[in-house]
Amino acid sequence: MPHPESGGVAQLRGELSDLLSLPLEESDYALALSELGMEVDPPAPFGPGAWLSELVSQLRTAG
């Protein structure tokens, strides 16, 4: 039986991957995080883009 959140995880992973494929600056990633409602700073040592990349990587192993 599939995990009930597996579709949501796959969708989030896809959305973040699409965002990362755009030619954006770090400030643009910070704005995107804000627009998504993520009102926290990325954990050290990550900038917004690196944090998004790390999230996608972790979602690949989780999903």
PDB file of N, CA and C in Angstrom:
ATOM      1  N   MET A   1       0.846  -1.176   0.000  1.00  0.00           N
ATOM      2  CA  MET A   1       0.000   0.000   0.000  1.00  0.00           C
ATOM      3  C   MET A   1       0.895   1.243   0.000  1.00  0.00           C
ATOM      4  N   PRO A   2       0.676   2.173  -0.933  1.00  0.00           N
ATOM      5  CA  PRO A   2       1.522   3.374  -0.988  1.00  0.00           C
ATOM      6  C   PRO A   2       1.321   4.260   0.232  1.00  0.00           C
ATOM      7  N   HIS A   3       2.369   4.933   0.582  1.00  0.00           N
ATOM      8  CA  HIS A   3       2.318   5.888   1.686  1.00  0.00           C
ATOM      9  C   HIS A   3       1.363   7.011   1.299  1.00  0.00           C
ATOM     10  N   PRO A   4       0.447   7.428   2.196  1.00  0.00           N
ATOM     11  CA  PRO A   4      -0.551   8.440   1.828  1.00  0.00           C
ATOM     12  C   PRO A   4       0.017   9.778   1.396  1.00  0.00           C
ATOM     13  N   GLU A   5       1.233  10.089   1.806  1.00  0.00           N
ATOM     14  CA  GLU A   5       1.823  11.375   1.439  1.00  0.00           C
ATOM     15  C   GLU A   5       2.744  11.271   0.232  1.00  0.00           C
ATOM     16  N   SER A   6       2.910  10.064  -0.316  1.00  0.00           N
ATOM     17  CA  SER A   6       3.886   9.898  -1.392  1.00  0.00           C
ATOM     18  C   SER A   6       3.561  10.767  -2.610  1.00  0.00           C
ATOM     19  N   GLY A   7       2.262  10.943  -2.942  1.00  0.00           N
ATOM     20  CA  GLY A   7       1.901  11.819  -4.057  1.00  0.00           C
ATOM     21  C   GLY A   7       2.263  13.262  -3.781  1.00  0.00           C
ATOM     22  N   GLY A   8       2.033  13.710  -2.546  1.00  0.00           N
ATOM     23  CA  GLY A   8       2.378  15.081  -2.172  1.00  0.00           C
ATOM     24  C   GLY A   8       3.871  15.315  -2.176  1.00  0.00           C
ATOM     25  N   VAL A   9       4.622  14.314  -1.717  1.00  0.00           N
ATOM     26  CA  VAL A   9       6.088  14.425  -1.711  1.00  0.00           C
ATOM     27  C   VAL A   9       6.601  14.509  -3.139  1.00  0.00           C
ATOM     28  N   ALA A  10       6.062  13.666  -4.006  1.00  0.00           N
ATOM     29  CA  ALA A  10       6.489  13.680  -5.405  1.00  0.00           C
ATOM     30  C   ALA A  10       6.145  15.022  -6.059  1.00  0.00           C
ATOM     31  N   GLN A  11       4.983  15.554  -5.747  1.00  0.00           N
ATOM     32  CA  GLN A  11       4.584  16.843  -6.321  1.00  0.00           C
ATOM     33  C   GLN A  11       5.495  17.954  -5.821  1.00  0.00           C
ATOM     34  N   LEU A  12       5.776  17.975  -4.518  1.00  0.00           N
ATOM     35  CA  LEU A  12       6.669  18.997  -3.963  1.00  0.00           C
ATOM     36  C   LEU A  12       8.047  18.888  -4.578  1.00  0.00           C
ATOM     37  N   ARG A  13       8.561  17.665  -4.687  1.00  0.00           N
ATOM     38  CA  ARG A  13       9.881  17.452  -5.288  1.00  0.00           C
ATOM     39  C   ARG A  13       9.897  17.990  -6.714  1.00  0.00           C
ATOM     40  N   GLY A  14       8.833  17.719  -7.485  1.00  0.00           N
ATOM     41  CA  GLY A  14       8.752  18.205  -8.858  1.00  0.00           C
ATOM     42  C   GLY A  14       8.681  19.718  -8.926  1.00  0.00           C
ATOM     43  N   GLU A  15       7.874  20.308  -8.056  1.00  0.00           N
ATOM     44  CA  GLU A  15       7.737  21.771  -8.040  1.00  0.00           C
ATOM     45  C   GLU A  15       9.072  22.440  -7.700  1.00  0.00           C
ATOM     46  N   LEU A  16       9.758  21.908  -6.701  1.00  0.00           N
ATOM     47  CA  LEU A  16      11.050  22.496  -6.311  1.00  0.00           C
ATOM     48  C   LEU A  16      12.091  22.290  -7.406  1.00  0.00           C
ATOM     49  N   SER A  17      12.065  21.122  -8.040  1.00  0.00           N
ATOM     50  CA  SER A  17      13.007  20.872  -9.146  1.00  0.00           C
ATOM     51  C   SER A  17      12.759  21.843 -10.291  1.00  0.00           C
ATOM     52  N   ASP A  18      11.473  22.095 -10.591  1.00  0.00           N
ATOM     53  CA  ASP A  18      11.139  23.069 -11.637  1.00  0.00           C
ATOM     54  C   ASP A  18      11.654  24.457 -11.262  1.00  0.00           C
ATOM     55  N   LEU A  19      11.470  24.844 -10.019  1.00  0.00           N
ATOM     56  CA  LEU A  19      11.948  26.154  -9.554  1.00  0.00           C
ATOM     57  C   LEU A  19      13.463  26.250  -9.701  1.00  0.00           C
ATOM     58  N   LEU A  20      14.165  25.180  -9.319  1.00  0.00           N
ATOM     59  CA  LEU A  20      15.623  25.196  -9.391  1.00  0.00           C
ATOM     60  C   LEU A  20      16.141  25.183 -10.831  1.00  0.00           C
ATOM     61  N   SER A  21      15.317  24.751 -11.770  1.00  0.00           N
ATOM     62  CA  SER A  21      15.767  24.707 -13.165  1.00  0.00           C
ATOM     63  C   SER A  21      15.732  26.089 -13.822  1.00  0.00           C
ATOM     64  N   LEU A  22      15.094  27.040 -13.171  1.00  0.00           N
ATOM     65  CA  LEU A  22      15.025  28.400 -13.706  1.00  0.00           C
ATOM     66  C   LEU A  22      16.339  29.142 -13.460  1.00  0.00           C
ATOM     67  N   PRO A  23      16.727  30.015 -14.375  1.00  0.00           N
ATOM     68  CA  PRO A  23      17.974  30.772 -14.199  1.00  0.00           C
ATOM     69  C   PRO A  23      17.778  31.943 -13.231  1.00  0.00           C
ATOM     70  N   LEU A  24      17.738  31.636 -11.941  1.00  0.00           N
ATOM     71  CA  LEU A  24      17.473  32.647 -10.924  1.00  0.00           C
ATOM     72  C   LEU A  24      18.716  32.959 -10.108  1.00  0.00           C
ATOM     73  N   GLU A  25      18.732  34.147  -9.549  1.00  0.00           N
ATOM     74  CA  GLU A  25      19.777  34.575  -8.602  1.00  0.00           C
ATOM     75  C   GLU A  25      19.360  34.129  -7.197  1.00  0.00           C
ATOM     76  N   GLU A  26      20.290  34.143  -6.272  1.00  0.00           N
ATOM     77  CA  GLU A  26      19.977  33.772  -4.880  1.00  0.00           C
ATOM     78  C   GLU A  26      18.850  34.623  -4.309  1.00  0.00           C
ATOM     79  N   SER A  27      18.854  35.916  -4.635  1.00  0.00           N
ATOM     80  CA  SER A  27      17.797  36.790  -4.117  1.00  0.00           C
ATOM     81  C   SER A  27      16.426  36.374  -4.653  1.00  0.00           C
ATOM     82  N   ASP A  28      16.399  35.837  -5.884  1.00  0.00           N
ATOM     83  CA  ASP A  28      15.141  35.363  -6.455  1.00  0.00           C
ATOM     84  C   ASP A  28      14.646  34.113  -5.723  1.00  0.00           C
ATOM     85  N   TYR A  29      15.574  33.230  -5.357  1.00  0.00           N
ATOM     86  CA  TYR A  29      15.196  32.046  -4.584  1.00  0.00           C
ATOM     87  C   TYR A  29      14.656  32.455  -3.212  1.00  0.00           C
ATOM     88  N   ALA A  30      15.280  33.465  -2.611  1.00  0.00           N
ATOM     89  CA  ALA A  30      14.808  33.959  -1.314  1.00  0.00           C
ATOM     90  C   ALA A  30      13.386  34.494  -1.446  1.00  0.00           C
ATOM     91  N   LEU A  31      13.116  35.223  -2.518  1.00  0.00           N
ATOM     92  CA  LEU A  31      11.767  35.733  -2.762  1.00  0.00           C
ATOM     93  C   LEU A  31      10.787  34.585  -2.986  1.00  0.00           C
ATOM     94  N   ALA A  32      11.202  33.574  -3.728  1.00  0.00           N
ATOM     95  CA  ALA A  32      10.340  32.416  -3.974  1.00  0.00           C
ATOM     96  C   ALA A  32      10.005  31.704  -2.662  1.00  0.00           C
ATOM     97  N   LEU A  33      10.990  31.549  -1.793  1.00  0.00           N
ATOM     98  CA  LEU A  33      10.734  30.924  -0.484  1.00  0.00           C
ATOM     99  C   LEU A  33       9.720  31.736   0.305  1.00  0.00           C
ATOM    100  N   SER A  34       9.852  33.034   0.252  1.00  0.00           N
ATOM    101  CA  SER A  34       8.918  33.911   0.949  1.00  0.00           C
ATOM    102  C   SER A  34       7.511  33.770   0.372  1.00  0.00           C
ATOM    103  N   GLU A  35       7.417  33.733  -0.946  1.00  0.00           N
ATOM    104  CA  GLU A  35       6.114  33.584  -1.611  1.00  0.00           C
ATOM    105  C   GLU A  35       5.472  32.245  -1.275  1.00  0.00           C
ATOM    106  N   LEU A  36       6.296  31.223  -1.045  1.00  0.00           N
ATOM    107  CA  LEU A  36       5.779  29.909  -0.675  1.00  0.00           C
ATOM    108  C   LEU A  36       5.368  29.843   0.792  1.00  0.00           C
ATOM    109  N   GLY A  37       5.605  30.931   1.519  1.00  0.00           N
ATOM    110  CA  GLY A  37       5.219  30.961   2.925  1.00  0.00           C
ATOM    111  C   GLY A  37       6.277  30.430   3.867  1.00  0.00           C
ATOM    112  N   MET A  38       7.474  30.197   3.360  1.00  0.00           N
ATOM    113  CA  MET A  38       8.568  29.710   4.198  1.00  0.00           C
ATOM    114  C   MET A  38       9.262  30.928   4.793  1.00  0.00           C
ATOM    115  N   GLU A  39       8.799  31.332   5.944  1.00  0.00           N
ATOM    116  CA  GLU A  39       9.254  32.588   6.544  1.00  0.00           C
ATOM    117  C   GLU A  39      10.412  32.399   7.511  1.00  0.00           C
ATOM    118  N   VAL A  40      11.263  31.436   7.214  1.00  0.00           N
ATOM    119  CA  VAL A  40      12.449  31.205   8.024  1.00  0.00           C
ATOM    120  C   VAL A  40      13.664  31.304   7.118  1.00  0.00           C
ATOM    121  N   ASP A  41      14.789  31.633   7.699  1.00  0.00           N
ATOM    122  CA  ASP A  41      16.030  31.659   6.937  1.00  0.00           C
ATOM    123  C   ASP A  41      16.541  30.240   6.761  1.00  0.00           C
ATOM    124  N   PRO A  42      17.187  29.959   5.640  1.00  0.00           N
ATOM    125  CA  PRO A  42      17.786  28.635   5.458  1.00  0.00           C
ATOM    126  C   PRO A  42      18.797  28.367   6.575  1.00  0.00           C
ATOM    127  N   PRO A  43      18.910  27.124   6.998  1.00  0.00           N
ATOM    128  CA  PRO A  43      19.888  26.806   8.040  1.00  0.00           C
ATOM    129  C   PRO A  43      21.313  26.986   7.505  1.00  0.00           C
ATOM    130  N   ALA A  44      22.214  27.407   8.387  1.00  0.00           N
ATOM    131  CA  ALA A  44      23.627  27.547   8.009  1.00  0.00           C
ATOM    132  C   ALA A  44      24.145  26.175   7.612  1.00  0.00           C
ATOM    133  N   PRO A  45      24.956  26.060   6.647  1.00  0.00           N
ATOM    134  CA  PRO A  45      25.627  27.064   5.823  1.00  0.00           C
ATOM    135  C   PRO A  45      24.915  27.331   4.500  1.00  0.00           C
ATOM    136  N   PHE A  46      23.647  26.994   4.381  1.00  0.00           N
ATOM    137  CA  PHE A  46      22.931  27.076   3.106  1.00  0.00           C
ATOM    138  C   PHE A  46      22.398  28.467   2.801  1.00  0.00           C
ATOM    139  N   GLY A  47      22.486  28.838   1.530  1.00  0.00           N
ATOM    140  CA  GLY A  47      21.739  29.974   1.007  1.00  0.00           C
ATOM    141  C   GLY A  47      20.411  29.423   0.508  1.00  0.00           C
ATOM    142  N   PRO A  48      19.514  30.282   0.064  1.00  0.00           N
ATOM    143  CA  PRO A  48      18.205  29.803  -0.378  1.00  0.00           C
ATOM    144  C   PRO A  48      18.261  28.743  -1.490  1.00  0.00           C
ATOM    145  N   GLY A  49      19.071  28.964  -2.513  1.00  0.00           N
ATOM    146  CA  GLY A  49      19.171  28.006  -3.611  1.00  0.00           C
ATOM    147  C   GLY A  49      19.754  26.672  -3.173  1.00  0.00           C
ATOM    148  N   ALA A  50      20.803  26.730  -2.375  1.00  0.00           N
ATOM    149  CA  ALA A  50      21.423  25.501  -1.881  1.00  0.00           C
ATOM    150  C   ALA A  50      20.477  24.735  -0.959  1.00  0.00           C
ATOM    151  N   TRP A  51      19.705  25.461  -0.172  1.00  0.00           N
ATOM    152  CA  TRP A  51      18.747  24.820   0.724  1.00  0.00           C
ATOM    153  C   TRP A  51      17.660  24.109  -0.080  1.00  0.00           C
ATOM    154  N   LEU A  52      17.158  24.768  -1.127  1.00  0.00           N
ATOM    155  CA  LEU A  52      16.167  24.131  -1.989  1.00  0.00           C
ATOM    156  C   LEU A  52      16.731  22.872  -2.634  1.00  0.00           C
ATOM    157  N   SER A  53      17.972  22.933  -3.072  1.00  0.00           N
ATOM    158  CA  SER A  53      18.619  21.750  -3.658  1.00  0.00           C
ATOM    159  C   SER A  53      18.726  20.630  -2.649  1.00  0.00           C
ATOM    160  N   GLU A  54      19.065  20.965  -1.432  1.00  0.00           N
ATOM    161  CA  GLU A  54      19.165  19.976  -0.358  1.00  0.00           C
ATOM    162  C   GLU A  54      17.792  19.373  -0.056  1.00  0.00           C
ATOM    163  N   LEU A  55      16.760  20.195  -0.052  1.00  0.00           N
ATOM    164  CA  LEU A  55      15.404  19.685   0.185  1.00  0.00           C
ATOM    165  C   LEU A  55      14.994  18.698  -0.892  1.00  0.00           C
ATOM    166  N   VAL A  56      15.285  19.015  -2.156  1.00  0.00           N
ATOM    167  CA  VAL A  56      14.960  18.102  -3.247  1.00  0.00           C
ATOM    168  C   VAL A  56      15.704  16.795  -3.063  1.00  0.00           C
ATOM    169  N   SER A  57      16.964  16.875  -2.703  1.00  0.00           N
ATOM    170  CA  SER A  57      17.767  15.659  -2.483  1.00  0.00           C
ATOM    171  C   SER A  57      17.165  14.803  -1.363  1.00  0.00           C
ATOM    172  N   GLN A  58      16.772  15.434  -0.274  1.00  0.00           N
ATOM    173  CA  GLN A  58      16.186  14.687   0.831  1.00  0.00           C
ATOM    174  C   GLN A  58      14.824  14.117   0.457  1.00  0.00           C
ATOM    175  N   LEU A  59      14.052  14.846  -0.332  1.00  0.00           N
ATOM    176  CA  LEU A  59      12.745  14.347  -0.760  1.00  0.00           C
ATOM    177  C   LEU A  59      12.886  13.156  -1.710  1.00  0.00           C
ATOM    178  N   ARG A  60      13.977  13.125  -2.473  1.00  0.00           N
ATOM    179  CA  ARG A  60      14.217  11.966  -3.359  1.00  0.00           C
ATOM    180  C   ARG A  60      14.402  10.702  -2.519  1.00  0.00           C
ATOM    181  N   THR A  61      15.115  10.817  -1.427  1.00  0.00           N
ATOM    182  CA  THR A  61      15.355   9.636  -0.588  1.00  0.00           C
ATOM    183  C   THR A  61      14.135   9.300   0.252  1.00  0.00           C
ATOM    184  N   ALA A  62      13.279  10.297   0.541  1.00  0.00           N
ATOM    185  CA  ALA A  62      12.090  10.050   1.354  1.00  0.00           C
ATOM    186  C   ALA A  62      10.936   9.493   0.530  1.00  0.00           C
ATOM    187  N   GLY A  63      10.884   9.864  -0.737  1.00  0.00           N
ATOM    188  CA  GLY A  63       9.736   9.505  -1.554  1.00  0.00           C
ATOM    189  C   GLY A  63       9.988   8.301  -2.361  1.00  0.00           C
TER     190      GLY A  63
END
